[in-house]
Amino acid sequence: MEIEILYWYWVVLGVMLMLSEIVLTTFFILWFGLAAVIMGALTYLFPDIEVSWQILIWTVLSSALALFWFKFLKPLSIDKTKAGLSREAIVGEVGQVISVPREGMRGKLRFPAPILGADEWMIMSQDSLAEGDRVRVKDVSGNSLIVEKA
């Protein structure tokens, strides 16, 4: 008995797998579904591919897509900033004064890397500061940082 898999079998399988991703939300089954749709296109273009080769190509393609996702795309989606975290994420950080706080006006501080979504922050200080001084964050007051010389 010879088994024949038509191209649309692959497309239906792929769509079903991709739709199951809505329920599972693993973002893993999606790649098997996408590989099945691609396999459907290949079977449409080359209808003489044997079933064993179709399954092998689908397996390799699914693995390659899943590996590509975990190796290259997923790391890009990781938020490397500390946006959304509490004040503990910024207290103790050291930055450089780029604008000195003056009587009634706040100064400005720049961190080497963005913290809580920004690399420049308004600052207040009890210490006398000069541009270029390195300061450490003691506390947060509203949208400004309270700093001291580092």
Foldseek 3Di string as FASTA:
>chain_A
DADADALVNLQVQLVVQCVVCVVVVPVLSNLLSVLSNVLSVVCVVPVPDGPVVSVVSSVVSSVVSNCCCVPPVVVVPDDPEQAPDDFVQQAFAKWFWQFFADVVGWTKTAHPDDHNRHRIFTEDEPDGDDGGFMWGFHGDDVRYTYIDGD
